[in-house]
Protein backbone atom coordinates (compact mmCIF):
# COMPACT_ATOMS: atom_id res chain seq x y z
CA MET A 1 144.93 52.35 57.71
CA ALA A 2 144.31 49.72 60.42
CA GLU A 3 141.69 50.18 63.10
CA VAL A 4 143.00 51.38 66.47
CA LYS A 5 142.81 48.46 68.92
CA TYR A 6 144.00 50.08 72.13
CA VAL A 7 144.60 53.54 73.55
CA SER A 8 146.51 53.64 76.82
CA LYS A 9 144.92 55.90 79.41
CA VAL A 10 147.71 57.09 81.67
CA LYS A 11 147.53 60.08 83.97
CA LEU A 12 150.72 61.78 85.21
CA GLU A 13 151.06 64.20 88.10
CA PRO A 14 154.19 66.07 89.10
CA VAL A 15 155.16 65.44 92.73
CA LYS A 16 158.46 67.23 93.38
CA GLY A 17 161.53 67.77 91.25
CA LYS A 18 161.94 64.80 88.93
CA VAL A 19 159.38 62.66 90.81
CA ARG A 20 156.08 61.96 89.05
CA ARG A 21 153.04 59.94 90.02
CA ALA A 22 151.61 57.79 87.24
CA TYR A 23 148.18 56.21 87.20
CA VAL A 24 148.45 53.27 84.83
CA PRO A 25 145.90 50.69 83.70
CA GLY A 26 146.03 47.42 85.60
CA GLU A 27 147.38 48.95 88.82
CA GLU A 28 145.17 50.00 91.71
CA GLU A 29 147.81 52.26 93.22
CA PRO A 30 149.80 54.93 91.38
CA VAL A 31 153.41 54.23 90.41
CA LEU A 32 156.15 56.71 91.32
CA PHE A 33 158.80 57.52 88.74
CA GLY A 34 161.90 59.55 89.40
CA VAL A 35 165.66 59.30 89.17
CA HIS A 36 168.39 57.41 91.03
CA SER A 37 172.14 56.85 90.91
CA GLU A 38 173.64 57.52 87.46
CA VAL A 39 170.29 58.73 86.09
CA ALA A 40 170.08 61.36 88.84
CA GLU A 41 173.68 62.39 88.19
CA HIS A 42 172.92 62.75 84.46
CA TYR A 43 170.07 65.15 85.26
CA GLY A 44 172.14 67.11 87.80
CA VAL A 45 170.26 65.87 90.88
CA GLU A 46 172.58 65.72 93.88
CA PRO A 47 172.45 62.65 96.14
CA GLY A 48 169.91 63.23 98.89
CA ASP A 49 168.17 66.13 97.10
CA GLU A 50 165.24 63.93 96.06
CA GLU A 51 163.79 60.61 97.10
CA ALA A 52 165.12 57.97 94.69
CA HIS A 53 162.64 56.12 92.47
CA SER A 54 162.95 53.93 89.39
CA SER A 55 163.21 55.91 86.19
CA THR A 56 160.97 55.54 83.19
CA LEU A 57 163.97 53.97 81.44
CA ASP A 58 164.02 51.22 84.11
CA TYR A 59 160.38 50.44 83.35
CA VAL A 60 160.99 50.37 79.59
CA VAL A 61 163.87 47.91 80.03
CA ALA A 62 161.78 45.75 82.38
CA ALA A 63 158.87 45.80 79.94
CA ALA A 64 161.16 44.65 77.14
CA GLY A 65 162.19 41.66 79.24
CA GLY A 66 165.44 42.88 80.71
């Protein structure tokens, strides 16, 4: 088995509802994740019930280069 080269150290904190605060390496400030538009609808979150934030899916797509 290959030697482990990197272990990501991420800390997540629930904020409210679907909103989470993530402390990720390379960023001085935490990143907020949540739901918006069709993602919120999928999870049954009514418009205006929660502050909209990018979803984790948005970040995965961005990380993969769009």
